[in-house]
């Protein structure tokens, strides 16, 4: 998640690390809050920054700074759409901040769930590809004021859970 959220900031600061917050024009410049760590090597010191407070595989320095691999879990109730389904449909979504910064998790769940419930011929891979393309367009549109085009990494994985 984002380092500037209160619970994330508290964990990072408890690890004796710091958070650099969004500058006033972050929506125009594309900048975001960052976890900042000092890297001491023999004869020099440098600083590194990471734009997320939860990450898999970003090294010991960031783990020591309070960056954790634990995901945030959301459960979305699709009962309004479930009456169309003959069977209970359960699925899991893992998505990067590049997707969830542009789409609300409820919208992602509704998009995938409604396709599954309707018996759409689209397979999960195609649904994921469509979400990635739409998300990419949102990044381009919302960052049109930037001097250079920026699009965050966009990742999504979906699996149906058979109960």
N, C-alpha and C. Protein backbone atom coordinates (compact mmCIF):
# COMPACT_ATOMS: atom_id res chain seq x y z
N UNK A 1 0.84 -1.18 0.00
CA UNK A 1 0.00 0.00 0.00
C UNK A 1 0.88 1.24 0.00
N UNK A 2 0.32 2.36 0.25
CA UNK A 2 1.04 3.63 0.16
C UNK A 2 1.61 4.03 1.52
N UNK A 3 2.87 4.47 1.55
CA UNK A 3 3.52 4.81 2.81
C UNK A 3 2.88 5.97 3.56
N UNK A 4 2.12 6.82 2.88
CA UNK A 4 1.55 7.98 3.55
C UNK A 4 0.27 7.67 4.32
N UNK A 5 -0.26 6.45 4.23
CA UNK A 5 -1.44 6.09 5.01
C UNK A 5 -1.04 5.95 6.48
N UNK A 6 -1.88 6.41 7.41
CA UNK A 6 -1.48 6.48 8.83
C UNK A 6 -0.92 5.19 9.42
N UNK A 7 -1.57 4.05 9.20
CA UNK A 7 -1.07 2.79 9.77
C UNK A 7 0.26 2.39 9.15
N UNK A 8 0.41 2.65 7.85
CA UNK A 8 1.65 2.31 7.17
C UNK A 8 2.79 3.21 7.68
N UNK A 9 2.51 4.50 7.79
CA UNK A 9 3.51 5.45 8.30
C UNK A 9 3.95 5.06 9.71
N UNK A 10 3.01 4.71 10.56
CA UNK A 10 3.33 4.33 11.95
C UNK A 10 4.27 3.13 11.98
N UNK A 11 4.01 2.12 11.16
CA UNK A 11 4.87 0.93 11.13
C UNK A 11 6.27 1.30 10.64
N UNK A 12 6.35 2.11 9.61
CA UNK A 12 7.64 2.50 9.04
C UNK A 12 8.43 3.34 10.03
N UNK A 13 7.77 4.30 10.66
CA UNK A 13 8.46 5.16 11.63
C UNK A 13 8.87 4.37 12.87
N UNK A 14 8.11 3.35 13.24
CA UNK A 14 8.49 2.48 14.37
C UNK A 14 9.75 1.70 14.04
N UNK A 15 10.04 1.53 12.76
CA UNK A 15 11.26 0.83 12.32
C UNK A 15 12.43 1.79 12.18
N UNK A 16 12.25 3.02 12.66
CA UNK A 16 13.29 4.06 12.61
C UNK A 16 13.62 4.47 11.17
N UNK A 17 12.62 4.39 10.29
CA UNK A 17 12.78 4.85 8.92
C UNK A 17 11.85 6.03 8.71
N UNK A 18 11.86 6.57 7.52
CA UNK A 18 11.05 7.74 7.28
C UNK A 18 10.20 7.63 6.03
N UNK A 19 9.24 8.54 5.95
CA UNK A 19 8.36 8.63 4.79
C UNK A 19 8.48 10.05 4.24
N UNK A 20 8.71 10.14 2.94
CA UNK A 20 8.67 11.42 2.24
C UNK A 20 7.28 11.51 1.64
N UNK A 21 6.56 12.58 1.94
CA UNK A 21 5.16 12.69 1.53
C UNK A 21 5.01 13.30 0.15
N UNK A 22 3.82 13.09 -0.42
CA UNK A 22 3.50 13.65 -1.73
C UNK A 22 3.70 15.16 -1.74
N UNK A 23 4.36 15.67 -2.77
CA UNK A 23 4.45 17.13 -2.90
C UNK A 23 3.09 17.70 -3.29
N UNK A 24 2.89 19.01 -3.15
CA UNK A 24 1.58 19.61 -3.42
C UNK A 24 1.02 19.32 -4.82
N UNK A 25 1.85 19.22 -5.84
CA UNK A 25 1.37 19.00 -7.20
C UNK A 25 1.58 17.56 -7.65
N UNK A 26 1.49 16.61 -6.74
CA UNK A 26 1.77 15.21 -7.06
C UNK A 26 0.88 14.69 -8.18
N UNK A 27 -0.36 15.15 -8.24
CA UNK A 27 -1.26 14.67 -9.29
C UNK A 27 -0.79 15.12 -10.67
N UNK A 28 -0.04 16.20 -10.75
CA UNK A 28 0.45 16.70 -12.03
C UNK A 28 1.82 16.12 -12.34
N UNK A 29 2.68 16.02 -11.34
CA UNK A 29 4.05 15.56 -11.56
C UNK A 29 4.19 14.05 -11.55
N UNK A 30 3.18 13.34 -11.02
CA UNK A 30 3.25 11.89 -10.97
C UNK A 30 4.04 11.36 -9.79
N UNK A 31 4.47 12.23 -8.89
CA UNK A 31 5.24 11.81 -7.73
C UNK A 31 4.33 11.21 -6.66
N UNK A 32 4.90 10.39 -5.81
CA UNK A 32 4.11 9.79 -4.73
C UNK A 32 4.97 9.72 -3.47
N UNK A 33 4.31 9.42 -2.36
CA UNK A 33 5.04 9.27 -1.10
C UNK A 33 5.98 8.07 -1.22
N UNK A 34 7.03 8.10 -0.42
CA UNK A 34 8.06 7.05 -0.51
C UNK A 34 8.59 6.69 0.87
N UNK A 35 8.94 5.41 1.02
CA UNK A 35 9.70 4.95 2.18
C UNK A 35 11.16 5.23 1.86
N UNK A 36 11.86 5.90 2.75
CA UNK A 36 13.25 6.27 2.50
C UNK A 36 14.15 5.51 3.47
N UNK A 37 15.21 4.91 2.93
CA UNK A 37 16.19 4.21 3.77
C UNK A 37 17.59 4.70 3.44
N UNK A 38 18.43 4.67 4.46
CA UNK A 38 19.85 4.98 4.28
C UNK A 38 20.58 3.68 4.01
N UNK A 39 21.41 3.67 3.01
CA UNK A 39 22.23 2.51 2.67
C UNK A 39 23.68 2.87 2.99
N UNK A 40 24.22 2.24 4.01
CA UNK A 40 25.61 2.49 4.39
C UNK A 40 26.50 1.43 3.79
N UNK A 41 27.48 1.87 3.04
CA UNK A 41 28.50 0.98 2.50
C UNK A 41 29.85 1.54 2.93
N UNK A 42 30.88 0.72 2.96
CA UNK A 42 32.19 1.23 3.39
C UNK A 42 32.59 2.47 2.58
N UNK A 43 32.77 3.57 3.27
CA UNK A 43 33.23 4.79 2.62
C UNK A 43 32.13 5.67 2.04
N UNK A 44 30.88 5.23 2.08
CA UNK A 44 29.83 6.09 1.52
C UNK A 44 28.47 5.76 2.12
N UNK A 45 27.57 6.68 1.92
CA UNK A 45 26.19 6.47 2.35
C UNK A 45 25.29 7.00 1.23
N UNK A 46 24.23 6.27 0.95
CA UNK A 46 23.28 6.74 -0.05
C UNK A 46 21.87 6.54 0.48
N UNK A 47 20.92 7.10 -0.21
CA UNK A 47 19.52 6.96 0.16
C UNK A 47 18.79 6.27 -0.99
N UNK A 48 17.86 5.41 -0.62
CA UNK A 48 16.98 4.79 -1.62
C UNK A 48 15.55 5.00 -1.17
N UNK A 49 14.64 5.02 -2.14
CA UNK A 49 13.23 5.25 -1.81
C UNK A 49 12.36 4.25 -2.57
N UNK A 50 11.28 3.86 -1.93
CA UNK A 50 10.33 2.91 -2.50
C UNK A 50 8.93 3.49 -2.35
N UNK A 51 8.15 3.44 -3.43
CA UNK A 51 6.83 4.09 -3.45
C UNK A 51 5.73 3.23 -2.84
N UNK A 52 6.09 2.19 -2.12
CA UNK A 52 5.07 1.35 -1.49
C UNK A 52 5.55 0.89 -0.14
N UNK A 53 4.61 0.58 0.73
CA UNK A 53 4.97 0.13 2.07
C UNK A 53 4.74 -1.36 2.25
N UNK A 54 4.23 -2.01 1.21
CA UNK A 54 4.05 -3.46 1.20
C UNK A 54 4.57 -3.95 -0.14
N UNK A 55 5.50 -4.87 -0.09
CA UNK A 55 6.13 -5.31 -1.33
C UNK A 55 6.78 -6.67 -1.12
N UNK A 56 6.82 -7.44 -2.17
CA UNK A 56 7.50 -8.74 -2.14
C UNK A 56 8.82 -8.60 -2.88
N UNK A 57 9.91 -8.92 -2.23
CA UNK A 57 11.19 -8.99 -2.91
C UNK A 57 11.95 -7.69 -3.06
N UNK A 58 11.74 -6.72 -2.18
CA UNK A 58 12.47 -5.47 -2.31
C UNK A 58 13.66 -5.35 -1.36
N UNK A 59 14.18 -6.45 -0.92
CA UNK A 59 15.44 -6.44 -0.21
C UNK A 59 15.38 -6.16 1.28
N UNK A 60 16.47 -6.57 1.94
CA UNK A 60 16.56 -6.48 3.40
C UNK A 60 16.49 -5.04 3.90
N UNK A 61 17.09 -4.11 3.19
CA UNK A 61 17.08 -2.72 3.66
C UNK A 61 15.66 -2.21 3.82
N UNK A 62 14.80 -2.56 2.88
CA UNK A 62 13.41 -2.10 2.98
C UNK A 62 12.63 -2.91 4.00
N UNK A 63 12.97 -4.19 4.16
CA UNK A 63 12.32 -4.99 5.22
C UNK A 63 12.66 -4.39 6.58
N UNK A 64 13.92 -4.02 6.77
CA UNK A 64 14.33 -3.39 8.02
C UNK A 64 13.65 -2.04 8.23
N UNK A 65 13.21 -1.42 7.13
CA UNK A 65 12.55 -0.11 7.19
C UNK A 65 11.05 -0.21 7.42
N UNK A 66 10.55 -1.43 7.62
CA UNK A 66 9.13 -1.60 7.89
C UNK A 66 8.29 -1.96 6.68
N UNK A 67 8.92 -2.16 5.52
CA UNK A 67 8.18 -2.62 4.34
C UNK A 67 7.94 -4.11 4.52
N UNK A 68 6.69 -4.51 4.44
CA UNK A 68 6.33 -5.91 4.71
C UNK A 68 5.72 -6.55 3.46
N UNK A 69 5.82 -7.89 3.36
CA UNK A 69 5.25 -8.59 2.20
C UNK A 69 3.77 -8.94 2.36
N UNK A 70 3.19 -8.66 3.52
CA UNK A 70 1.80 -9.05 3.78
C UNK A 70 0.84 -8.22 2.94
N UNK A 71 -0.01 -8.85 2.16
CA UNK A 71 -0.96 -8.08 1.36
C UNK A 71 -2.12 -7.57 2.20
N UNK A 72 -2.80 -6.59 1.68
CA UNK A 72 -4.06 -6.15 2.27
C UNK A 72 -5.16 -6.96 1.60
N UNK A 73 -6.01 -7.57 2.41
CA UNK A 73 -7.07 -8.41 1.87
C UNK A 73 -8.41 -7.68 1.97
N UNK A 74 -9.13 -7.68 0.87
CA UNK A 74 -10.49 -7.13 0.83
C UNK A 74 -11.43 -8.24 0.42
N UNK A 75 -12.58 -8.29 1.05
CA UNK A 75 -13.63 -9.23 0.66
C UNK A 75 -14.76 -8.38 0.09
N UNK A 76 -15.14 -8.68 -1.14
CA UNK A 76 -16.20 -7.93 -1.81
C UNK A 76 -17.41 -8.84 -1.96
N UNK A 77 -18.53 -8.40 -1.46
CA UNK A 77 -19.77 -9.17 -1.52
C UNK A 77 -20.49 -8.87 -2.83
N UNK A 78 -20.67 -9.89 -3.63
CA UNK A 78 -21.35 -9.74 -4.92
C UNK A 78 -22.77 -10.29 -4.88
N UNK A 79 -23.38 -10.31 -3.69
CA UNK A 79 -24.74 -10.86 -3.56
C UNK A 79 -25.74 -10.27 -4.54
N UNK A 80 -25.70 -8.96 -4.81
CA UNK A 80 -26.67 -8.42 -5.76
C UNK A 80 -26.60 -9.09 -7.13
N UNK A 81 -25.44 -9.61 -7.48
CA UNK A 81 -25.28 -10.27 -8.78
C UNK A 81 -25.39 -11.78 -8.67
N UNK A 82 -25.22 -12.30 -7.47
CA UNK A 82 -25.17 -13.75 -7.26
C UNK A 82 -26.50 -14.42 -7.56
N UNK A 83 -27.61 -13.70 -7.47
CA UNK A 83 -28.90 -14.33 -7.74
C UNK A 83 -29.00 -14.79 -9.19
N UNK A 84 -28.16 -14.27 -10.06
CA UNK A 84 -28.15 -14.71 -11.45
C UNK A 84 -27.42 -16.04 -11.63
N UNK A 85 -26.59 -16.38 -10.66
CA UNK A 85 -25.77 -17.58 -10.78
C UNK A 85 -26.49 -18.79 -10.21
N UNK A 86 -26.25 -19.93 -10.84
CA UNK A 86 -26.82 -21.18 -10.33
C UNK A 86 -26.01 -21.69 -9.14
N UNK A 87 -24.71 -21.48 -9.20
CA UNK A 87 -23.81 -21.94 -8.14
C UNK A 87 -23.13 -20.73 -7.51
N UNK A 88 -22.66 -20.94 -6.28
CA UNK A 88 -21.90 -19.88 -5.62
C UNK A 88 -20.57 -19.71 -6.35
N UNK A 89 -20.23 -18.49 -6.67
CA UNK A 89 -18.99 -18.21 -7.38
C UNK A 89 -18.04 -17.48 -6.44
N UNK A 90 -16.87 -18.06 -6.24
CA UNK A 90 -15.85 -17.46 -5.40
C UNK A 90 -14.58 -17.38 -6.24
N UNK A 91 -13.92 -16.24 -6.17
CA UNK A 91 -12.66 -16.09 -6.90
C UNK A 91 -11.73 -15.20 -6.11
N UNK A 92 -10.46 -15.31 -6.42
CA UNK A 92 -9.43 -14.51 -5.75
C UNK A 92 -8.72 -13.65 -6.78
N UNK A 93 -8.42 -12.42 -6.40
CA UNK A 93 -7.72 -11.48 -7.27
C UNK A 93 -6.48 -11.00 -6.54
N UNK A 94 -5.35 -11.03 -7.21
CA UNK A 94 -4.13 -10.39 -6.72
C UNK A 94 -3.79 -9.32 -7.75
N UNK A 95 -3.65 -8.08 -7.29
CA UNK A 95 -3.41 -6.98 -8.23
C UNK A 95 -2.39 -6.01 -7.66
N UNK A 96 -1.65 -5.39 -8.55
CA UNK A 96 -0.65 -4.41 -8.14
C UNK A 96 -1.29 -3.04 -7.92
N UNK A 97 -0.52 -2.17 -7.29
CA UNK A 97 -1.02 -0.82 -7.05
C UNK A 97 -1.25 -0.07 -8.36
N UNK A 98 -0.54 -0.45 -9.40
CA UNK A 98 -0.76 0.18 -10.70
C UNK A 98 -2.18 0.01 -11.19
N UNK A 99 -2.80 -1.11 -10.88
CA UNK A 99 -4.20 -1.34 -11.23
C UNK A 99 -5.12 -0.70 -10.19
N UNK A 100 -4.82 -0.93 -8.92
CA UNK A 100 -5.72 -0.47 -7.86
C UNK A 100 -5.64 1.03 -7.59
N UNK A 101 -4.64 1.70 -8.15
CA UNK A 101 -4.61 3.16 -8.07
C UNK A 101 -5.58 3.78 -9.07
N UNK A 102 -6.00 3.01 -10.05
CA UNK A 102 -6.90 3.53 -11.08
C UNK A 102 -8.29 2.90 -11.06
N UNK A 103 -8.42 1.70 -10.47
CA UNK A 103 -9.72 1.03 -10.36
C UNK A 103 -9.98 0.71 -8.90
N UNK A 104 -11.18 0.96 -8.45
CA UNK A 104 -11.60 0.57 -7.12
C UNK A 104 -11.73 -0.96 -7.08
N UNK A 105 -11.36 -1.58 -5.98
CA UNK A 105 -11.42 -3.05 -5.87
C UNK A 105 -12.83 -3.57 -6.09
N UNK A 106 -13.84 -2.81 -5.67
CA UNK A 106 -15.23 -3.23 -5.90
C UNK A 106 -15.54 -3.29 -7.39
N UNK A 107 -15.02 -2.33 -8.15
CA UNK A 107 -15.25 -2.33 -9.60
C UNK A 107 -14.55 -3.51 -10.28
N UNK A 108 -13.34 -3.82 -9.82
CA UNK A 108 -12.62 -4.98 -10.37
C UNK A 108 -13.39 -6.26 -10.08
N UNK A 109 -13.84 -6.41 -8.84
CA UNK A 109 -14.59 -7.61 -8.45
C UNK A 109 -15.90 -7.71 -9.23
N UNK A 110 -16.59 -6.60 -9.39
CA UNK A 110 -17.85 -6.61 -10.14
C UNK A 110 -17.60 -7.01 -11.59
N UNK A 111 -16.56 -6.45 -12.21
CA UNK A 111 -16.25 -6.74 -13.61
C UNK A 111 -15.99 -8.23 -13.82
N UNK A 112 -15.15 -8.79 -12.97
CA UNK A 112 -14.82 -10.21 -13.10
C UNK A 112 -16.00 -11.08 -12.70
N UNK A 113 -16.62 -10.75 -11.57
CA UNK A 113 -17.75 -11.54 -11.08
C UNK A 113 -18.92 -11.54 -12.03
N UNK A 114 -19.25 -10.39 -12.61
CA UNK A 114 -20.39 -10.34 -13.52
C UNK A 114 -20.13 -11.15 -14.78
N UNK A 115 -18.89 -11.17 -15.25
CA UNK A 115 -18.56 -11.99 -16.42
C UNK A 115 -18.68 -13.48 -16.08
N UNK A 116 -18.25 -13.86 -14.88
CA UNK A 116 -18.35 -15.27 -14.47
C UNK A 116 -19.81 -15.67 -14.28
N UNK A 117 -20.58 -14.80 -13.66
CA UNK A 117 -21.98 -15.11 -13.37
C UNK A 117 -22.80 -15.18 -14.65
N UNK A 118 -22.51 -14.29 -15.59
CA UNK A 118 -23.30 -14.25 -16.82
C UNK A 118 -22.98 -15.41 -17.75
N UNK A 119 -21.94 -16.16 -17.43
CA UNK A 119 -21.55 -17.27 -18.30
C UNK A 119 -20.86 -16.78 -19.57
N UNK A 120 -20.27 -15.60 -19.49
CA UNK A 120 -19.58 -15.01 -20.63
C UNK A 120 -18.56 -15.99 -21.20
N UNK A 121 -18.37 -15.91 -22.50
CA UNK A 121 -17.39 -16.77 -23.16
C UNK A 121 -15.96 -16.30 -22.90
N UNK A 122 -15.80 -15.12 -22.31
CA UNK A 122 -14.46 -14.61 -22.04
C UNK A 122 -13.80 -15.43 -20.95
N UNK A 123 -12.57 -15.84 -21.19
CA UNK A 123 -11.86 -16.56 -20.13
C UNK A 123 -11.18 -15.55 -19.20
N UNK A 124 -10.67 -16.03 -18.09
CA UNK A 124 -10.07 -15.13 -17.10
C UNK A 124 -8.88 -14.36 -17.66
N UNK A 125 -8.09 -14.98 -18.52
CA UNK A 125 -6.95 -14.29 -19.10
C UNK A 125 -7.42 -13.09 -19.92
N UNK A 126 -8.46 -13.28 -20.72
CA UNK A 126 -8.99 -12.19 -21.53
C UNK A 126 -9.55 -11.08 -20.65
N UNK A 127 -10.24 -11.44 -19.58
CA UNK A 127 -10.76 -10.43 -18.65
C UNK A 127 -9.62 -9.61 -18.05
N UNK A 128 -8.55 -10.30 -17.65
CA UNK A 128 -7.40 -9.60 -17.08
C UNK A 128 -6.76 -8.68 -18.12
N UNK A 129 -6.62 -9.16 -19.35
CA UNK A 129 -6.04 -8.33 -20.41
C UNK A 129 -6.87 -7.08 -20.64
N UNK A 130 -8.20 -7.23 -20.64
CA UNK A 130 -9.08 -6.07 -20.84
C UNK A 130 -8.93 -5.06 -19.69
N UNK A 131 -8.85 -5.56 -18.47
CA UNK A 131 -8.66 -4.66 -17.33
C UNK A 131 -7.33 -3.91 -17.43
N UNK A 132 -6.28 -4.61 -17.83
CA UNK A 132 -4.96 -3.98 -17.96
C UNK A 132 -4.99 -2.90 -19.04
N UNK A 133 -5.63 -3.18 -20.17
CA UNK A 133 -5.72 -2.19 -21.25
C UNK A 133 -6.52 -0.96 -20.81
N UNK A 134 -7.64 -1.18 -20.14
CA UNK A 134 -8.45 -0.05 -19.65
C UNK A 134 -7.69 0.76 -18.61
N UNK A 135 -6.97 0.06 -17.76
CA UNK A 135 -6.19 0.74 -16.73
C UNK A 135 -5.08 1.57 -17.37
N UNK A 136 -4.43 1.02 -18.37
CA UNK A 136 -3.38 1.75 -19.07
C UNK A 136 -3.93 3.04 -19.68
N UNK A 137 -5.12 2.97 -20.25
CA UNK A 137 -5.76 4.17 -20.82
C UNK A 137 -6.02 5.20 -19.72
N UNK A 138 -6.45 4.73 -18.55
CA UNK A 138 -6.70 5.65 -17.43
C UNK A 138 -5.41 6.34 -17.00
N UNK A 139 -4.30 5.59 -16.95
CA UNK A 139 -3.02 6.20 -16.60
C UNK A 139 -2.67 7.28 -17.62
N UNK A 140 -2.84 6.98 -18.90
CA UNK A 140 -2.50 7.96 -19.94
C UNK A 140 -3.37 9.20 -19.84
N UNK A 141 -4.66 9.01 -19.64
CA UNK A 141 -5.59 10.14 -19.55
C UNK A 141 -5.32 10.98 -18.31
N UNK A 142 -5.17 10.33 -17.18
CA UNK A 142 -5.00 11.05 -15.92
C UNK A 142 -3.62 11.70 -15.78
N UNK A 143 -2.66 11.25 -16.57
CA UNK A 143 -1.32 11.83 -16.51
C UNK A 143 -1.01 12.66 -17.75
N UNK A 144 -2.02 13.11 -18.46
CA UNK A 144 -1.79 13.84 -19.71
C UNK A 144 -1.08 15.18 -19.48
N UNK A 145 -1.07 15.69 -18.23
CA UNK A 145 -0.40 16.96 -17.93
C UNK A 145 1.11 16.79 -17.72
N UNK A 146 1.56 15.56 -17.59
CA UNK A 146 2.98 15.32 -17.34
C UNK A 146 3.81 15.64 -18.57
N UNK A 147 5.05 16.07 -18.34
CA UNK A 147 5.95 16.32 -19.46
C UNK A 147 6.35 15.02 -20.15
N UNK A 148 6.43 13.95 -19.38
CA UNK A 148 6.70 12.63 -19.96
C UNK A 148 5.59 11.69 -19.53
N UNK A 149 5.29 10.73 -20.37
CA UNK A 149 4.23 9.79 -20.04
C UNK A 149 4.72 8.81 -18.98
N UNK A 150 3.89 8.58 -17.98
CA UNK A 150 4.22 7.62 -16.93
C UNK A 150 3.04 6.68 -16.74
N UNK A 151 3.36 5.42 -16.63
CA UNK A 151 2.35 4.42 -16.30
C UNK A 151 2.99 3.45 -15.34
N UNK A 152 2.38 3.26 -14.20
CA UNK A 152 2.90 2.33 -13.21
C UNK A 152 2.76 0.90 -13.73
N UNK A 153 3.47 -0.02 -13.10
CA UNK A 153 3.30 -1.43 -13.46
C UNK A 153 1.85 -1.83 -13.17
N UNK A 154 1.29 -2.62 -14.06
CA UNK A 154 -0.10 -3.06 -13.92
C UNK A 154 -0.09 -4.58 -13.97
N UNK A 155 -0.43 -5.20 -12.86
CA UNK A 155 -0.44 -6.66 -12.78
C UNK A 155 -1.74 -7.12 -12.14
N UNK A 156 -2.26 -8.22 -12.66
CA UNK A 156 -3.45 -8.82 -12.05
C UNK A 156 -3.42 -10.32 -12.31
N UNK A 157 -3.81 -11.06 -11.31
CA UNK A 157 -3.98 -12.52 -11.44
C UNK A 157 -5.33 -12.86 -10.81
N UNK A 158 -6.08 -13.71 -11.48
CA UNK A 158 -7.41 -14.10 -11.00
C UNK A 158 -7.52 -15.61 -11.07
N UNK A 159 -8.10 -16.20 -10.05
CA UNK A 159 -8.38 -17.63 -10.09
C UNK A 159 -9.75 -17.88 -9.47
N UNK A 160 -10.44 -18.82 -10.05
CA UNK A 160 -11.73 -19.23 -9.50
C UNK A 160 -11.45 -20.22 -8.37
N UNK A 161 -12.16 -20.09 -7.27
CA UNK A 161 -12.00 -20.98 -6.13
C UNK A 161 -13.20 -21.91 -6.12
N UNK A 162 -12.93 -23.21 -6.23
CA UNK A 162 -14.00 -24.20 -6.21
C UNK A 162 -14.20 -24.68 -4.78
N UNK A 163 -15.39 -24.47 -4.26
CA UNK A 163 -15.68 -24.86 -2.87
C UNK A 163 -16.33 -26.23 -2.82
